[in-house]
């Protein structure tokens, strides 16, 4: 009887543990752990020089004592262009999609941390911001569950603001380096949409914004130069203007108004 009781207790314990750890993403989580383990093994390997006719190898290995891990210097904010967090999680766990981000924030404020911040996610793609063309290698990608046609929820924005504090402090990310996907890729992307509250984020120290009281842009002000100074890729000026207006004016047009020029002038002066 005692043996049976112990056996039954063991079965119950196993079922409880299994119930606590079950997830619909157990299979893909296993792939994550395996890949992370592979990368960790590579980091443990001793660097070596492949000797050949042109390269002479040293007699012994010398490892520097002065190094750290590479760290992100930008945060790029996206909307998912999908209809639910579940749909996006599926997209990010299918190898054939080849897309991912570090974080996903649901409409209810739930924050999924999908990838270690030091690892490279596939979220930015082709684009240019300042001199940066490989944004994936130097940034954290944050996706917000939003189809691009609706306002973002209060819990979602509250969760985002709380989340942003850590990478800003941990990695010393400059205020100006919190940008949108469309800022980096103006010819391809529109996220986050005109509904995104950039001013609210800027008030918390995440991203640039302009002064409440604007001075008029000087005579002969060059808007194209200002856009480039802020960071926009101006090879396609129309796309750059549209991205600027989406971010700072909550407008999807590509015609610059006098106020737009005043804002551009103010932002440029705060950037240089």
Foldseek 3Di string as FASTA:
>chain_A
DVVVVVVVVVVVVVVVVCVVPDDPCPVLVVVVVVVVVVVVVVVPDQDFDDDDPVDDGDPDGDDDPDDDAAAAQAEAEFEDLDQFPVVVVVLQSDVVNQFDFQWEAGLQQDIDGDDDRSDFGHHQPAFWFQHDGPNSNHYGYYYYHDSQPDARHPSRVVSVLVVVVVSCVVVVHAQARYYYSCQGVLVPDCPPFLNDDLVVSVVSSHHDAFDPDFDFADPPDDLLVLLVLSTHDCPPVQSSQQNLCSNHVSDRGRDQDRVNNRRSRRSSVVRD
